[in-house]
Amino acid sequence: MTLPEINRQFSTDERCRELLERLRWPKGPECPRCHNRKVVRLSTNGKLLWCGECDYQFGAMVGTIFQDSHLPLATWFMAVLLLCEARKGMSANQVKRTLGVSYKTAWYLCHRIRAAMVESQKGKLNGIVEMDETYFGGCKSGVTMAEAKAVKQIVLGIRQRGGELRLFQAKDITAKTLREFIEGNVSEDVEMFVTDEFISYPYAVRGRYARKHKTIRHKERYVDGAVHTNTVENAFSLFKRGVMGTWHKISAKHLSAYLKEMSFRFNRRQNGEIFLDTLRHMVIAPTLPFQKLIGKTAA
C-alpha cells in the first residue's frame, strides 16, 4: 500500500469506514454490548447502527482507538501508513509536517496507533533463540560506566532465529528477572538458547534450560559457529538508530510503547499487508484517552 493508493481508494470517510467495518466484523456488523448480529442501519450513509436486542446505537468506531477523534479517517489512514513503512519509526514532528496537523494532534495520533501495535503472543519461541540486554537513555560526561547504567533504562531482547522478535522494558537484570522473561517466552524444548557472558545468565537458566544454554564470550570472539547473539543485537541496533535519528529522545514512561511498535513492525517487515494488519489491530484495541496517555504512568 502506498500514499497514492490510499488517496485513490480511501479518499472519503465512507470508504474508510467500510474497510474498518469489514476488518472489525468480518461476518457482518455485531453489537459491541450484547454481540447480537441482527442490527439495523439507521442512516443512509451507514454510519449509525442500532441493536434491537439491547436498544443500543453504535458505529464502527465505538470502543476503538478511533473513538471521539475529529480527524478525517483518510488522515488516520495516511498516518498509519507512515508509521508502518518507516523502518526506524517516524517522529510526531514529521507526521505534523507531512499531514499538516498540530504537534499535539500528531503526537496523540502516533501514540494511539502505537498502542494498537501490540503483538498477539503466539506461544513460546523455539529453535535457536538468542537473548541479550542493552541500555537506553542519556549519559552525563565524566561519570563511570556503573553510574551511567544506573540512570539508563534496561531493555531485554529475545529473538528466535528466522522468527519472532520480542523486546521488553525491564526493572533490572538480576537472575530472577531474567528467568521470568525466559520462562514466559522461551520453550523448554528449545534447540539452543544463546546469551553473552553476562554473570546473571547461568543462574537464570538453571534447571530446565541449562543443557541448551550456550555462551558467546565477546571478549574472545563474536561468532563461534552457530553460537552468537548477532541477530538480536541487529534488532537493538535498528531501534537505537530510530532513537538517535528519528525520535531523538524517548521518556522511560513511553519506552515500552516504542518497543512494542518496533517489534510489531520488525516482525512484519516482509508482510505486504502490514497496513491492513495494523488497522485490524486498531479496531479491536481499547480506547486510549488523552488524560490516560499523559498520566503519571504509561498507558
Protein backbone atom coordinates (compact mmCIF):
# COMPACT_ATOMS: atom_id res chain seq x y z
CA MET A 1 0.00 0.00 0.00
CA THR A 2 1.31 3.45 -0.96
CA LEU A 3 0.12 7.00 -0.27
CA PRO A 4 -1.21 7.45 -3.83
CA GLU A 5 -3.17 4.20 -3.46
CA ILE A 6 -4.65 5.37 -0.14
CA ASN A 7 -5.67 8.67 -1.76
CA ARG A 8 -7.39 6.79 -4.58
CA GLN A 9 -9.07 4.04 -2.56
CA PHE A 10 -9.86 5.80 0.72
CA SER A 11 -10.46 9.43 -0.17
CA THR A 12 -13.69 9.72 1.87
CA ASP A 13 -14.79 8.80 5.39
CA GLU A 14 -17.43 6.47 3.95
CA ARG A 15 -14.85 4.36 2.11
CA CYS A 16 -12.55 4.27 5.14
CA ARG A 17 -15.43 3.27 7.42
CA GLU A 18 -16.46 0.45 5.08
CA LEU A 19 -12.96 -1.04 5.35
CA LEU A 20 -12.83 -0.68 9.14
CA GLU A 21 -16.24 -2.33 9.44
CA ARG A 22 -15.06 -5.31 7.39
CA LEU A 23 -11.89 -5.59 9.48
CA ARG A 24 -13.75 -5.35 12.78
CA TRP A 25 -16.70 -7.56 11.82
CA PRO A 26 -15.65 -9.98 9.03
CA LYS A 27 -19.01 -11.79 9.34
CA GLY A 28 -21.08 -8.61 9.40
CA PRO A 29 -21.82 -5.88 11.98
CA GLU A 30 -22.27 -7.03 15.57
CA CYS A 31 -23.47 -5.19 18.66
CA PRO A 32 -20.41 -4.42 20.87
CA ARG A 33 -22.57 -4.76 24.00
CA CYS A 34 -24.57 -7.98 23.54
CA HIS A 35 -22.86 -9.33 20.38
CA ASN A 36 -26.20 -9.62 18.59
CA ARG A 37 -25.79 -9.78 14.80
CA LYS A 38 -29.32 -8.62 13.98
CA VAL A 39 -28.54 -4.92 13.74
CA VAL A 40 -30.17 -2.21 11.62
CA ARG A 41 -28.54 0.73 9.83
CA LEU A 42 -30.24 3.95 10.91
CA SER A 43 -28.70 6.37 8.41
CA THR A 44 -28.37 6.36 4.65
CA ASN A 45 -24.58 6.70 4.80
CA GLY A 46 -24.41 3.64 7.08
CA LYS A 47 -22.57 5.48 9.86
CA LEU A 48 -25.00 4.62 12.68
CA LEU A 49 -26.28 1.14 13.59
CA TRP A 50 -28.90 0.01 16.08
CA CYS A 51 -29.24 -3.21 18.06
CA GLY A 52 -32.87 -4.09 18.81
CA GLU A 53 -31.82 -6.72 21.35
CA CYS A 54 -30.33 -4.24 23.85
CA ASP A 55 -31.58 -0.97 22.29
CA TYR A 56 -28.07 0.36 21.68
CA GLN A 57 -26.94 2.73 18.92
CA PHE A 58 -23.32 2.43 17.80
CA GLY A 59 -20.89 2.85 14.95
CA ALA A 60 -17.81 1.02 13.73
CA MET A 61 -15.56 3.41 15.71
CA VAL A 62 -17.22 2.87 19.11
CA GLY A 63 -14.88 1.35 21.70
CA THR A 64 -11.85 1.55 19.41
CA ILE A 65 -8.72 3.69 19.12
CA PHE A 66 -10.68 5.90 16.67
CA GLN A 67 -13.41 6.79 19.17
CA ASP A 68 -14.02 10.53 19.73
CA SER A 69 -11.48 11.51 17.07
CA HIS A 70 -12.35 14.59 15.00
CA LEU A 71 -9.73 13.85 12.35
CA PRO A 72 -10.88 12.60 8.93
CA LEU A 73 -10.37 8.86 8.62
CA ALA A 74 -8.33 9.45 5.46
CA THR A 75 -5.82 11.37 7.62
CA TRP A 76 -5.74 8.45 10.06
CA PHE A 77 -5.05 6.05 7.20
CA MET A 78 -2.13 8.14 5.93
CA ALA A 79 -0.66 8.35 9.46
CA VAL A 80 -0.94 4.57 9.84
CA LEU A 81 0.91 4.02 6.57
CA LEU A 82 3.68 6.44 7.57
CA LEU A 83 4.31 4.58 10.84
CA CYS A 84 4.08 1.16 9.18
CA GLU A 85 6.52 1.85 6.37
CA ALA A 86 9.20 3.75 8.32
CA ARG A 87 11.78 1.10 9.27
CA LYS A 88 13.24 3.29 12.01
CA GLY A 89 9.94 4.84 13.04
CA MET A 90 8.52 8.29 12.41
CA SER A 91 8.50 11.24 14.77
CA ALA A 92 5.41 13.23 15.68
CA ASN A 93 7.13 16.31 14.24
CA GLN A 94 7.48 14.60 10.86
CA VAL A 95 3.85 13.47 10.95
CA LYS A 96 2.86 17.04 11.82
CA ARG A 97 4.70 18.43 8.78
CA THR A 98 3.55 15.69 6.41
CA LEU A 99 -0.14 15.72 7.33
CA GLY A 100 -0.49 19.40 8.18
CA VAL A 101 -1.82 18.95 11.72
CA SER A 102 -0.72 20.44 15.05
CA TYR A 103 2.10 18.83 17.02
CA LYS A 104 -0.29 17.86 19.84
CA THR A 105 -2.60 16.14 17.35
CA ALA A 106 0.30 14.36 15.66
CA TRP A 107 1.76 13.20 18.99
CA TYR A 108 -1.58 11.84 20.19
CA LEU A 109 -2.26 10.28 16.79
CA CYS A 110 1.10 8.44 16.80
CA HIS A 111 0.59 7.16 20.33
CA ARG A 112 -2.87 5.82 19.57
CA ILE A 113 -1.57 3.96 16.52
CA ARG A 114 1.37 2.74 18.59
CA ALA A 115 -1.00 1.49 21.31
CA ALA A 116 -2.63 -0.81 18.76
CA MET A 117 0.72 -2.20 17.59
CA VAL A 118 0.74 -4.97 20.16
CA GLU A 119 1.84 -8.45 19.24
CA SER A 120 -0.55 -11.30 19.92
CA GLN A 121 1.89 -13.73 21.51
CA LYS A 122 1.79 -16.98 19.52
CA GLY A 123 3.23 -19.28 22.13
CA LYS A 124 6.85 -19.56 23.19
CA LEU A 125 9.87 -19.21 20.95
CA ASN A 126 11.63 -22.36 19.77
CA GLY A 127 14.53 -23.45 17.59
CA ILE A 128 17.65 -21.36 18.18
CA VAL A 129 16.80 -18.46 20.47
CA GLU A 130 19.05 -15.54 21.40
CA MET A 131 18.72 -13.20 24.37
CA ASP A 132 20.61 -10.04 25.17
CA GLU A 133 20.26 -6.86 27.20
CA THR A 134 21.02 -3.25 26.38
CA TYR A 135 20.60 0.23 27.87
CA PHE A 136 18.81 3.33 26.62
CA GLY A 137 18.96 6.90 27.88
CA GLY A 138 21.18 9.94 28.06
CA CYS A 139 24.54 9.97 29.77
CA LYS A 140 26.36 12.80 31.51
CA SER A 141 30.05 13.21 30.79
CA GLY A 142 32.56 12.45 33.49
CA VAL A 143 30.64 9.57 35.12
CA THR A 144 31.65 5.95 35.44
CA MET A 145 30.04 3.14 33.43
CA ALA A 146 28.25 1.91 36.56
CA GLU A 147 26.85 5.38 37.24
CA ALA A 148 25.72 5.75 33.64
CA LYS A 149 23.89 2.41 33.68
CA ALA A 150 22.16 3.32 36.93
CA VAL A 151 20.20 6.12 35.22
CA LYS A 152 19.54 4.35 31.93
CA GLN A 153 16.57 2.17 31.01
CA ILE A 154 17.09 -1.57 30.61
CA VAL A 155 15.76 -3.31 27.51
CA LEU A 156 15.77 -7.08 27.06
CA GLY A 157 15.58 -8.66 23.63
CA ILE A 158 14.63 -12.24 22.83
CA ARG A 159 14.68 -13.39 19.21
CA GLN A 160 14.12 -16.71 17.52
CA ARG A 161 16.48 -17.09 14.60
CA GLY A 162 14.44 -16.75 11.44
CA GLY A 163 11.41 -15.94 13.58
CA GLU A 164 9.86 -13.53 16.02
CA LEU A 165 11.48 -10.70 17.97
CA ARG A 166 10.28 -9.67 21.44
CA LEU A 167 11.51 -6.54 23.25
CA PHE A 168 10.80 -5.71 26.89
CA GLN A 169 11.49 -2.88 29.29
CA ALA A 170 12.90 -4.39 32.49
CA LYS A 171 13.33 -3.04 36.00
CA ASP A 172 16.68 -4.81 36.50
CA ILE A 173 18.81 -7.63 35.12
CA THR A 174 19.04 -9.90 38.12
CA ALA A 175 18.89 -13.65 37.57
CA LYS A 176 15.34 -13.71 38.94
CA THR A 177 14.09 -11.09 36.48
CA LEU A 178 15.86 -12.70 33.52
CA ARG A 179 14.43 -16.09 34.45
CA GLU A 180 10.88 -14.69 34.46
CA PHE A 181 11.30 -13.38 30.91
CA ILE A 182 12.94 -16.60 29.75
CA GLU A 183 10.25 -18.87 31.19
CA GLY A 184 7.50 -16.64 29.81
CA ASN A 185 8.87 -16.52 26.26
CA VAL A 186 11.22 -19.45 25.57
CA SER A 187 10.09 -23.05 25.10
CA GLU A 188 11.66 -25.72 27.30
CA ASP A 189 12.20 -27.73 24.09
CA VAL A 190 14.35 -25.01 22.56
CA GLU A 191 17.13 -26.35 20.34
CA MET A 192 19.70 -23.89 21.64
CA PHE A 193 19.50 -20.83 23.90
CA VAL A 194 22.32 -18.34 23.31
CA THR A 195 23.41 -15.43 25.51
CA ASP A 196 26.58 -13.46 26.11
CA GLU A 197 28.79 -13.89 29.19
CA PHE A 198 26.76 -11.63 31.49
CA ILE A 199 27.05 -13.05 35.02
CA SER A 200 23.31 -13.44 35.69
CA TYR A 201 22.51 -15.80 32.79
CA PRO A 202 23.99 -19.04 34.22
CA TYR A 203 21.82 -18.58 37.33
CA ALA A 204 18.77 -17.59 35.27
CA VAL A 205 18.89 -20.77 33.14
CA ARG A 206 19.48 -23.26 35.94
CA GLY A 207 17.42 -26.44 35.62
CA ARG A 208 15.29 -26.88 32.53
CA TYR A 209 17.28 -24.56 30.21
CA ALA A 210 20.83 -25.28 31.45
CA ARG A 211 21.57 -28.10 28.98
CA LYS A 212 20.53 -25.98 25.97
CA HIS A 213 22.37 -22.84 27.11
CA LYS A 214 25.38 -21.69 25.08
CA THR A 215 27.51 -18.64 25.86
CA ILE A 216 29.39 -16.45 23.42
CA ARG A 217 32.26 -14.65 25.14
CA HIS A 218 32.59 -11.30 23.41
CA LYS A 219 36.00 -10.66 24.91
CA GLU A 220 37.27 -13.59 22.83
CA ARG A 221 35.07 -13.58 19.69
CA TYR A 222 31.64 -12.53 18.42
CA VAL A 223 30.81 -15.69 16.46
CA ASP A 224 31.59 -19.30 17.31
CA GLY A 225 29.82 -21.36 14.67
CA ALA A 226 26.10 -21.12 15.41
CA VAL A 227 26.76 -19.58 18.81
CA HIS A 228 26.28 -15.80 18.62
CA THR A 229 23.79 -13.08 19.55
CA ASN A 230 24.17 -11.08 16.35
CA THR A 231 20.53 -11.32 15.24
CA VAL A 232 19.07 -9.87 18.43
CA GLU A 233 21.84 -7.26 18.51
CA ASN A 234 20.90 -6.26 14.95
CA ALA A 235 17.37 -5.54 16.19
CA PHE A 236 18.79 -3.44 19.05
CA SER A 237 20.91 -1.53 16.52
CA LEU A 238 17.87 -0.74 14.35
CA PHE A 239 15.93 0.54 17.36
CA LYS A 240 18.85 2.66 18.56
CA ARG A 241 19.17 4.25 15.12
CA GLY A 242 15.47 5.08 15.38
CA VAL A 243 16.02 6.70 18.78
CA MET A 244 19.04 8.73 17.65
CA GLY A 245 17.92 9.65 14.14
CA THR A 246 14.12 9.79 14.34
CA TRP A 247 12.71 10.23 17.83
CA HIS A 248 15.92 11.72 19.37
CA LYS A 249 14.58 11.19 22.88
CA ILE A 250 12.18 8.69 24.48
CA SER A 251 10.96 9.00 28.06
CA ALA A 252 11.08 6.00 30.38
CA LYS A 253 7.31 6.29 30.72
CA HIS A 254 6.66 5.67 27.00
CA LEU A 255 9.66 3.45 26.18
CA SER A 256 7.56 0.27 26.36
CA ALA A 257 5.15 1.62 23.72
CA TYR A 258 8.01 2.33 21.30
CA LEU A 259 9.43 -1.16 21.89
CA LYS A 260 6.06 -2.68 21.00
CA GLU A 261 5.91 -0.58 17.84
CA MET A 262 9.40 -1.69 16.86
CA SER A 263 8.64 -5.38 17.48
CA PHE A 264 5.33 -5.17 15.61
CA ARG A 265 6.89 -3.57 12.54
CA PHE A 266 10.06 -5.71 12.64
CA ASN A 267 8.13 -8.98 12.74
CA ARG A 268 6.06 -7.85 9.72
CA ARG A 269 8.88 -6.30 7.69
CA GLN A 270 8.24 -8.72 4.81
CA ASN A 271 4.47 -8.72 5.17
CA GLY A 272 2.79 -6.94 2.27
CA GLU A 273 -0.36 -6.44 4.35
CA ILE A 274 1.18 -4.67 7.34
CA PHE A 275 -1.07 -1.64 6.71
CA LEU A 276 -4.26 -3.74 6.87
CA ASP A 277 -2.89 -5.73 9.79
CA THR A 278 -2.31 -2.51 11.76
CA LEU A 279 -5.84 -1.26 11.01
CA ARG A 280 -7.18 -4.65 12.11
CA HIS A 281 -5.45 -4.22 15.46
CA MET A 282 -6.75 -0.66 15.75
CA VAL A 283 -10.42 -1.65 15.51
CA ILE A 284 -10.06 -4.23 18.29
CA ALA A 285 -7.69 -2.28 20.59
CA PRO A 286 -9.29 -0.44 23.53
CA THR A 287 -9.63 3.33 23.57
CA LEU A 288 -6.71 5.48 24.75
CA PRO A 289 -7.98 8.76 26.29
CA PHE A 290 -5.54 11.69 26.21
CA GLN A 291 -5.64 12.05 30.01
CA LYS A 292 -4.61 8.41 30.43
CA LEU A 293 -1.75 8.87 27.98
CA ILE A 294 -0.32 11.89 29.79
CA GLY A 295 -0.89 10.42 33.28
CA LYS A 296 1.89 9.61 35.70
CA THR A 297 2.30 6.04 34.46
CA ALA A 298 2.46 4.71 30.94
CA ALA A 299 -0.81 3.77 29.28
